[in-house]
Amino acid sequence: MNAPVRICDVMDPWVERSPEHTALVDATGNWSYGQLAQAVTETLLWLRGAGVRPGDRVMIMGENCRAFAAVLLAVARLDAWSIPVNPRLSAREIDSIRNHCDARRVVYLTAASTHAAEHANRHAASIEEVDDVGPIGIGPLNENAGPEPIDPDIGNRVATLIYTSGTTGLPKGVMLTHRNLLFSAGGSARIRSLTPEDRLFGVLPLSHIVGLSVLLGTLVSGATLVLAARFDPMAARLALEKDGITIMLGVPSMFSQFLQYAQIRKLETLKFSALRIISCSGAPLPPATKLAVENLFGLPLHHAYGITECAPTVAQVRPEAPKRADTSVGPILPGLEIKLVGSNNQVVPEGEVGELWVRGPSVMKGYYRAPDQTAAAINAEGWFNTRDLARVEDGNLFIVGRTKDLIIRLGFNVYPAEVEAVLNGHPAVAKSAVIGRMVEGDEEIIAFVQPLPDKSLTTLEIAEYAAKHLAAYKRPSHILMLAEMPVTSLGKIMKPELARIAADLPRRSQTSGARVRSA
């Protein structure tokens, strides 16, 4: 079997060998590998007729459905760039990304997303019927958009452009090549020993790098992807039972919702005969959540670490390894190199915390139209600075926090993830987030806490709990209770939003006790 060179090649061997085998399933039906190939061909012809050329940027706005995969793979087969976008972003965010990438066309998957339909209407898109795919919205032709040059090295051509900061600031487009995406997706698929008999639960958004990698890893393995437009624990339980799911990949907040669902339904176990792997990534995994999920499912909850700029997987717990009691993200993906760099720009010894740098085939081509940002992120030797803080123990990676999130209090380093892990250990806490704020030439620690919906919790109780489990310099100066944390579509806490709340708090001396309040 020839190795794929472009992401659209992943399905080709299976189209030839097992065209009747199911490739994709969504709420409206399913496609075999042969039907997927036909849908991609019809979509390619439609896009070409709509004026899309090699090197053009095509923005795809929608939620998980078969049509999303058809458009994305067809764009790749045209040697154009796909820009998958979450339609739940605001109009300002959507337009900012569209303008920055200078999209030749915008495609709206209106049949599967009311949010995409709203943006289609706002942009005066027309709805057209694509053979074998169905109705799809398409925006006006941007005649001023010029195509990017076509790299003679096929693997080094940009396959997709994923924006990482559209919700928090100016958009920053990560250029990921075919080689980047295939290396990462293929590596993760091999670690999980995917075969055509596997059925993966595709609830992570295809507009996000992890969801995209799951799609490619499924198709390159000849397996089946069962797509869900959004996560709901009841619907997920039905899918796990009815669809014979063998692999479920999610984010910690999804598994936390499973725990809440089981508690409400008074279920002690949620065991499924076909399910063999559950894994999460995208956010810190509280130890208490990991243990509770493992008890509920009767399976180890594996953890992985990735970043969009690395397409995304950097480290992943191995399914065949002994069950871990900690929250390590596992060994490094084979073929990648890492180093941990201290504040003196020297590599730190094993066991010590340093800034994580990565080098290898999955490191992005760069940030689109941002050469200065690219040069600041990737050095002349090809090392990419993740800006994450980590340590290595016995070959396993542990993520400690973000460089920009590091709090220096009274001369000591305080890693928010460490404080959050302690707060999350309280039996009445659903999630927490810790940030720093400058005060009197130093930093103070501000903790935001979201209680479990059925638990009574006061800020004083949290302060007393922190005092028992944290050194004095790590204890929060302010504790604020939130009914609901601001989170992204993947459940990641939006700390810039919390920083805006913290900006309005009164400033206190570092020697003062914690001020506890609700917000």
Foldseek 3Di string as FASTA:
>chain_A
DDADQFLLCLQVVCCVVPQQQWAEAEPVGTHGSVLLVVLLVLLLVVVVVQVDAAQAEEEEEDFDDSLSVSNLSNCVVRNYAYQYDYLPDDPVLVVLVCVVSVHQKYKAPVVHDVSSVVVLVVQVWDWDQTPSRGTITMHHGRPPDDGDDADPRQQQRFSYWYWDCSPPDRTWTFGFGRLLLSLVLCLVLVLVVAAQDAEEEQAPTCSDLVSVSPSSNQSSRNHYYYYDRHDDLVVVLVCVAVVLHAEYEAALVSLLNVLVVCVVVVHQAREGPNHDAAEYEDAAHQLVSQVSSCRHHVYHYWYFYFDVQSSTGFAAAGRVDPRDSDHFRHAGRPFKDKFFADPVRDTDDAPDKGFIKMAGSNGTPAIPPCVVRRCVQADPVGIGGPQWIWHDDPRTIDTQAGVVQWFQAPNDTAGQVVLFSQLCPPPFFSGKGWGWDDDPNHIFIEMETATDPVDDDFQVVSQVSCVVPDDLRRGHQEYEYDNDFDADSRRHGDVVVVVVVVVPDDDDDSVDHHDYDYD
